[in-house]
Amino acid sequence: MRGQDNLQKRIRDYGVKIGKLKPGLRNKITDVNGVTVGHATIDDGAIKAD
């Protein structure tokens, strides 16, 4: 699968620009100074698994 990742183009390759800032060196959200990435699970009890 890893080889196929190199063939897939990014939206930027088609000239679409999102946001005002240039991408970082590694093209990752963690390249942005002061930005942290995390996740949260929200459980409001609405979905029940059998």
N, C-alpha and C. Protein backbone atom coordinates (compact mmCIF):
# COMPACT_ATOMS: atom_id res chain seq x y z
N MET A 1 0.82 -1.21 0.00
CA MET A 1 0.00 0.00 0.00
C MET A 1 0.85 1.26 0.00
N ARG A 2 1.98 1.20 0.65
CA ARG A 2 2.80 2.39 0.79
C ARG A 2 3.21 2.97 -0.57
N GLY A 3 3.49 2.11 -1.55
CA GLY A 3 3.86 2.58 -2.87
C GLY A 3 2.73 3.33 -3.56
N GLN A 4 1.50 2.94 -3.30
CA GLN A 4 0.35 3.60 -3.91
C GLN A 4 0.16 5.00 -3.36
N ASP A 5 0.59 5.26 -2.13
CA ASP A 5 0.44 6.58 -1.54
C ASP A 5 1.16 7.64 -2.36
N ASN A 6 2.27 7.27 -2.98
CA ASN A 6 3.05 8.23 -3.77
C ASN A 6 2.32 8.61 -5.06
N LEU A 7 1.40 7.78 -5.53
CA LEU A 7 0.70 8.05 -6.78
C LEU A 7 -0.52 8.95 -6.58
N GLN A 8 -1.02 9.00 -5.36
CA GLN A 8 -2.22 9.80 -5.09
C GLN A 8 -1.85 11.27 -4.97
N LYS A 9 -2.53 12.11 -5.73
CA LYS A 9 -2.26 13.53 -5.69
C LYS A 9 -3.02 14.19 -4.54
N ARG A 10 -2.50 15.28 -4.08
CA ARG A 10 -3.16 16.09 -3.07
C ARG A 10 -3.99 17.16 -3.77
N ILE A 11 -4.97 17.67 -3.07
CA ILE A 11 -5.83 18.71 -3.66
C ILE A 11 -4.98 19.92 -4.10
N ARG A 12 -3.90 20.17 -3.38
CA ARG A 12 -3.00 21.28 -3.71
C ARG A 12 -2.36 21.09 -5.09
N ASP A 13 -2.16 19.81 -5.49
CA ASP A 13 -1.57 19.52 -6.80
C ASP A 13 -2.46 19.98 -7.95
N TYR A 14 -3.74 20.21 -7.68
CA TYR A 14 -4.68 20.68 -8.70
C TYR A 14 -4.90 22.18 -8.63
N GLY A 15 -4.11 22.87 -7.80
CA GLY A 15 -4.20 24.32 -7.73
C GLY A 15 -5.16 24.85 -6.68
N VAL A 16 -5.76 23.97 -5.88
CA VAL A 16 -6.68 24.41 -4.84
C VAL A 16 -5.88 24.76 -3.59
N LYS A 17 -6.10 25.96 -3.09
CA LYS A 17 -5.40 26.42 -1.89
C LYS A 17 -6.40 26.57 -0.76
N ILE A 18 -6.10 25.93 0.36
CA ILE A 18 -6.96 26.01 1.54
C ILE A 18 -6.21 26.77 2.62
N GLY A 19 -6.82 27.81 3.13
CA GLY A 19 -6.17 28.61 4.16
C GLY A 19 -5.28 29.68 3.58
N LYS A 20 -4.67 30.44 4.46
CA LYS A 20 -3.83 31.56 4.04
C LYS A 20 -2.34 31.29 4.20
N LEU A 21 -1.99 30.28 5.01
CA LEU A 21 -0.59 30.00 5.32
C LEU A 21 -0.01 28.93 4.41
N LYS A 22 1.30 28.97 4.23
CA LYS A 22 1.99 27.95 3.45
C LYS A 22 2.11 26.68 4.28
N PRO A 23 2.15 25.52 3.63
CA PRO A 23 2.32 24.27 4.38
C PRO A 23 3.71 24.21 5.01
N GLY A 24 3.82 23.43 6.06
CA GLY A 24 5.10 23.27 6.75
C GLY A 24 6.04 22.35 5.99
N LEU A 25 7.20 22.12 6.57
CA LEU A 25 8.23 21.31 5.92
C LEU A 25 7.77 19.88 5.63
N ARG A 26 7.06 19.28 6.57
CA ARG A 26 6.60 17.90 6.41
C ARG A 26 5.15 17.82 5.95
N ASN A 27 4.52 18.97 5.69
CA ASN A 27 3.14 19.04 5.23
C ASN A 27 2.18 18.39 6.22
N LYS A 28 2.41 18.62 7.51
CA LYS A 28 1.57 18.05 8.55
C LYS A 28 1.06 19.16 9.46
N ILE A 29 -0.08 18.93 10.08
CA ILE A 29 -0.65 19.93 10.98
C ILE A 29 0.29 20.19 12.16
N THR A 30 1.08 19.20 12.52
CA THR A 30 2.01 19.37 13.64
C THR A 30 3.20 20.25 13.28
N ASP A 31 3.33 20.63 12.03
CA ASP A 31 4.37 21.59 11.63
C ASP A 31 4.08 22.99 12.14
N VAL A 32 2.84 23.26 12.50
CA VAL A 32 2.43 24.59 12.93
C VAL A 32 2.80 24.77 14.40
N ASN A 33 3.64 25.75 14.66
CA ASN A 33 4.11 26.01 16.02
C ASN A 33 2.94 26.35 16.95
N GLY A 34 2.88 25.68 18.08
CA GLY A 34 1.85 25.96 19.06
C GLY A 34 0.56 25.17 18.88
N VAL A 35 0.45 24.40 17.80
CA VAL A 35 -0.75 23.61 17.56
C VAL A 35 -0.54 22.21 18.13
N THR A 36 -1.52 21.74 18.89
CA THR A 36 -1.48 20.37 19.37
C THR A 36 -2.66 19.62 18.76
N VAL A 37 -2.48 18.33 18.61
CA VAL A 37 -3.50 17.50 17.97
C VAL A 37 -3.94 16.44 18.96
N GLY A 38 -5.24 16.23 19.06
CA GLY A 38 -5.76 15.21 19.96
C GLY A 38 -7.11 14.73 19.48
N HIS A 39 -7.77 13.97 20.32
CA HIS A 39 -9.10 13.48 19.97
C HIS A 39 -9.94 13.36 21.24
N ALA A 40 -11.21 13.24 21.05
CA ALA A 40 -12.13 13.04 22.16
C ALA A 40 -13.28 12.18 21.67
N THR A 41 -13.80 11.35 22.56
CA THR A 41 -14.97 10.55 22.26
C THR A 41 -16.14 11.15 23.02
N ILE A 42 -17.19 11.45 22.29
CA ILE A 42 -18.39 12.03 22.91
C ILE A 42 -19.44 10.94 22.97
N ASP A 43 -19.90 10.64 24.16
CA ASP A 43 -20.91 9.61 24.35
C ASP A 43 -22.13 10.25 24.98
N ASP A 44 -23.17 10.43 24.15
CA ASP A 44 -24.40 11.01 24.69
C ASP A 44 -25.46 9.94 24.93
N GLY A 45 -25.06 8.67 24.70
CA GLY A 45 -25.96 7.57 24.97
C GLY A 45 -26.96 7.28 23.88
N ALA A 46 -26.95 7.99 22.76
CA ALA A 46 -27.96 7.83 21.71
C ALA A 46 -27.77 6.55 20.90
N ILE A 47 -26.56 6.08 20.73
CA ILE A 47 -26.29 4.91 19.89
C ILE A 47 -26.01 3.72 20.79
N LYS A 48 -26.72 2.63 20.56
CA LYS A 48 -26.52 1.42 21.35
C LYS A 48 -26.12 0.28 20.43
N ALA A 49 -25.07 -0.44 20.79
CA ALA A 49 -24.64 -1.60 20.02
C ALA A 49 -25.25 -2.86 20.61
N ASP A 50 -25.64 -3.79 19.75
CA ASP A 50 -26.22 -5.06 20.22
C ASP A 50 -25.15 -6.04 20.61
